[in-house]
Amino acid sequence: MQKKCLIVIIATIMMLFAGHVLAKSPEPADGLFIFHGKVTDAVGNPVEDARILPYLNGKPILGTSQGHGGDSEFTTSRNGLFRIELPLSASQIKEGKWSAKITRASFRPSEMIPITKIFEEGKDDKGISTFVSSVTVTMQRITGTAFWIALGIFVAVYCLIAFEI
């Protein structure tokens, strides 16, 4: 029994060590990707609190943002604008396949929006390359369950007032 426990412990330690040695170390963040833009509805009004989720090579990316959502998630401000800053390696920014998805209640979720035009702004005094991309998205409203419930209540109250009930 003790021999089996010892073998299991040694095997576990070897697997942990092998995983640590073989793990790919992340590339240093020598670049900064700034993704900004505006989200509007079909009439051109800004959409507040729309959630923006950037993707790099099909995987969602989290980072720091400035604006209404803070660091918890990326959202648009009252004027529909957003700015997302992602510290990554310059090679990931340049060579990666970027896209974004935008969602908001009462609006149809956007398709995956490809981010193809990424411009290099240059390097700052610390040697960090800055890359910038911008997008403007128009979202379409949907008439969901809440709309139909509100419409039904409105019509019912209007009828009660009209017939003086």
Protein backbone atom coordinates (compact mmCIF):
# COMPACT_ATOMS: atom_id res chain seq x y z
CA MET A 1 0.00 0.00 0.00
CA GLN A 2 2.78 2.42 0.94
CA LYS A 3 4.63 1.47 -2.21
CA LYS A 4 1.61 2.39 -4.39
CA CYS A 5 1.21 5.75 -2.61
CA LEU A 6 4.89 6.51 -3.12
CA ILE A 7 4.65 5.65 -6.84
CA VAL A 8 1.55 7.89 -7.25
CA ILE A 9 3.29 10.79 -5.46
CA ILE A 10 6.45 10.44 -7.57
CA ALA A 11 4.40 10.20 -10.80
CA THR A 12 2.44 13.31 -9.84
CA ILE A 13 5.60 15.28 -9.09
CA MET A 14 7.13 14.19 -12.42
CA MET A 15 4.02 15.26 -14.36
CA LEU A 16 3.96 18.64 -12.65
CA PHE A 17 7.65 19.17 -13.36
CA ALA A 18 7.28 18.04 -16.99
CA GLY A 19 4.30 20.38 -17.46
CA HIS A 20 6.26 23.27 -16.01
CA VAL A 21 9.30 22.60 -18.21
CA LEU A 22 7.30 22.04 -21.39
CA ALA A 23 4.87 24.93 -20.86
CA LYS A 24 5.20 27.72 -23.37
CA SER A 25 6.22 30.92 -21.64
CA PRO A 26 4.08 33.92 -22.56
CA GLU A 27 5.58 36.54 -24.79
CA PRO A 28 6.50 39.79 -23.03
CA ALA A 29 4.04 42.67 -23.44
CA ASP A 30 6.16 44.95 -25.63
CA GLY A 31 3.12 46.33 -27.46
CA LEU A 32 -0.13 48.09 -26.67
CA PHE A 33 -3.22 47.56 -28.82
CA ILE A 34 -5.76 50.38 -28.55
CA PHE A 35 -9.15 49.44 -29.98
CA HIS A 36 -11.73 52.22 -29.99
CA GLY A 37 -14.90 53.17 -31.76
CA LYS A 38 -18.56 54.07 -31.57
CA VAL A 39 -21.75 52.02 -31.35
CA THR A 40 -25.00 53.53 -32.68
CA ASP A 41 -28.52 52.35 -33.39
CA ALA A 42 -30.15 52.40 -36.83
CA VAL A 43 -31.18 56.06 -36.43
CA GLY A 44 -27.67 57.15 -35.44
CA ASN A 45 -28.27 57.56 -31.70
CA PRO A 46 -25.47 56.34 -29.41
CA VAL A 47 -25.95 52.99 -27.69
CA GLU A 48 -25.00 53.09 -24.00
CA ASP A 49 -23.81 50.01 -22.09
CA ALA A 50 -23.17 47.88 -25.17
CA ARG A 51 -20.72 45.11 -24.24
CA ILE A 52 -17.64 44.78 -26.47
CA LEU A 53 -15.68 41.55 -26.47
CA PRO A 54 -12.45 41.54 -28.52
CA TYR A 55 -11.15 38.23 -29.87
CA LEU A 56 -7.59 37.26 -30.80
CA ASN A 57 -7.34 34.13 -32.96
CA GLY A 58 -10.86 33.12 -31.95
CA LYS A 59 -10.32 33.48 -28.18
CA PRO A 60 -11.76 36.33 -26.08
CA ILE A 61 -9.22 38.81 -24.70
CA LEU A 62 -9.47 40.64 -21.37
CA GLY A 63 -7.47 43.68 -20.37
CA THR A 64 -7.92 47.20 -19.07
CA SER A 65 -10.45 49.66 -20.38
CA GLN A 66 -11.23 53.29 -19.88
CA GLY A 67 -14.83 54.32 -19.78
CA HIS A 68 -18.13 53.34 -18.33
CA GLY A 69 -17.40 49.64 -17.63
CA GLY A 70 -14.08 50.06 -15.83
CA ASP A 71 -11.92 46.98 -15.65
CA SER A 72 -14.70 44.41 -15.20
CA GLU A 73 -15.83 44.40 -18.83
CA PHE A 74 -15.66 46.58 -21.90
CA THR A 75 -18.79 48.68 -22.41
CA THR A 76 -19.74 51.83 -24.24
CA SER A 77 -20.24 55.14 -22.45
CA ARG A 78 -23.31 57.38 -22.64
CA ASN A 79 -22.19 58.77 -26.00
CA GLY A 80 -21.69 55.28 -27.49
CA LEU A 81 -17.89 55.52 -27.47
CA PHE A 82 -15.48 52.90 -26.16
CA ARG A 83 -11.72 52.54 -25.78
CA ILE A 84 -9.98 49.26 -25.00
CA GLU A 85 -6.27 48.99 -24.21
CA LEU A 86 -4.69 45.54 -24.47
CA PRO A 87 -1.03 45.12 -23.44
CA LEU A 88 0.30 42.27 -25.58
CA SER A 89 3.42 41.41 -27.53
CA ALA A 90 3.90 43.32 -30.76
CA SER A 91 4.02 40.08 -32.76
CA GLN A 92 0.65 38.96 -31.36
CA ILE A 93 -0.90 42.29 -32.29
CA LYS A 94 0.52 42.38 -35.83
CA GLU A 95 0.15 38.72 -36.76
CA GLY A 96 -3.02 37.81 -34.87
CA LYS A 97 -6.47 37.49 -36.39
CA TRP A 98 -8.54 40.13 -34.57
CA SER A 99 -12.32 40.40 -34.34
CA ALA A 100 -14.93 41.73 -31.94
CA LYS A 101 -18.50 40.99 -30.92
CA ILE A 102 -20.88 43.62 -29.56
CA THR A 103 -24.02 42.82 -27.57
CA ARG A 104 -26.72 44.83 -25.79
CA ALA A 105 -30.17 44.00 -24.43
CA SER A 106 -32.99 44.91 -26.86
CA PHE A 107 -30.52 44.86 -29.78
CA ARG A 108 -29.58 42.10 -32.18
CA PRO A 109 -26.03 40.89 -31.30
CA SER A 110 -23.48 41.87 -33.90
CA GLU A 111 -21.82 39.30 -36.07
CA MET A 112 -18.10 38.79 -35.50
CA ILE A 113 -16.65 42.07 -36.72
CA PRO A 114 -13.24 41.55 -38.33
CA ILE A 115 -10.59 44.05 -37.28
CA THR A 116 -8.35 44.23 -40.33
CA LYS A 117 -6.85 47.70 -40.31
CA ILE A 118 -4.37 47.98 -37.46
CA PHE A 119 -2.02 50.94 -37.62
CA GLU A 120 1.32 51.17 -35.84
CA GLU A 121 1.63 54.53 -34.10
CA GLY A 122 5.29 54.12 -33.12
CA LYS A 123 7.16 53.47 -29.88
CA ASP A 124 7.04 55.42 -26.63
CA ASP A 125 10.03 56.29 -24.46
CA LYS A 126 9.85 52.86 -22.77
CA GLY A 127 10.12 51.05 -26.10
CA ILE A 128 6.50 49.89 -26.18
CA SER A 129 4.95 49.86 -29.66
CA THR A 130 1.44 51.27 -29.89
CA PHE A 131 -1.07 49.86 -32.38
CA VAL A 132 -4.46 51.45 -33.05
CA SER A 133 -7.65 50.30 -34.72
CA SER A 134 -11.08 51.91 -34.89
CA VAL A 135 -14.55 50.68 -35.75
CA THR A 136 -18.07 52.12 -35.97
CA VAL A 137 -20.91 49.66 -35.50
CA THR A 138 -24.64 50.12 -36.12
CA MET A 139 -26.84 47.79 -34.08
CA GLN A 140 -30.40 46.80 -35.03
CA ARG A 141 -33.17 46.86 -32.40
CA ILE A 142 -35.26 43.76 -31.79
CA THR A 143 -38.80 43.62 -30.48
CA GLY A 144 -38.53 41.12 -27.69
CA THR A 145 -40.88 39.89 -25.01
CA ALA A 146 -40.57 43.06 -22.92
CA PHE A 147 -41.83 45.16 -25.84
CA TRP A 148 -44.92 43.02 -26.35
CA ILE A 149 -45.75 42.98 -22.62
CA ALA A 150 -45.44 46.77 -22.42
CA LEU A 151 -47.56 47.19 -25.55
CA GLY A 152 -50.27 44.89 -24.14
CA ILE A 153 -50.39 46.80 -20.85
CA PHE A 154 -50.52 50.13 -22.70
CA VAL A 155 -53.42 49.02 -24.93
CA ALA A 156 -55.32 47.55 -21.96
CA VAL A 157 -54.97 50.74 -19.88
CA TYR A 158 -55.90 52.89 -22.88
CA CYS A 159 -59.05 50.81 -23.41
CA LEU A 160 -59.97 51.10 -19.72
CA ILE A 161 -59.56 54.88 -19.91
CA ALA A 162 -61.49 55.12 -23.20
CA PHE A 163 -64.46 53.16 -21.83
CA GLU A 164 -64.23 54.95 -18.46
CA ILE A 165 -63.90 51.74 -16.50
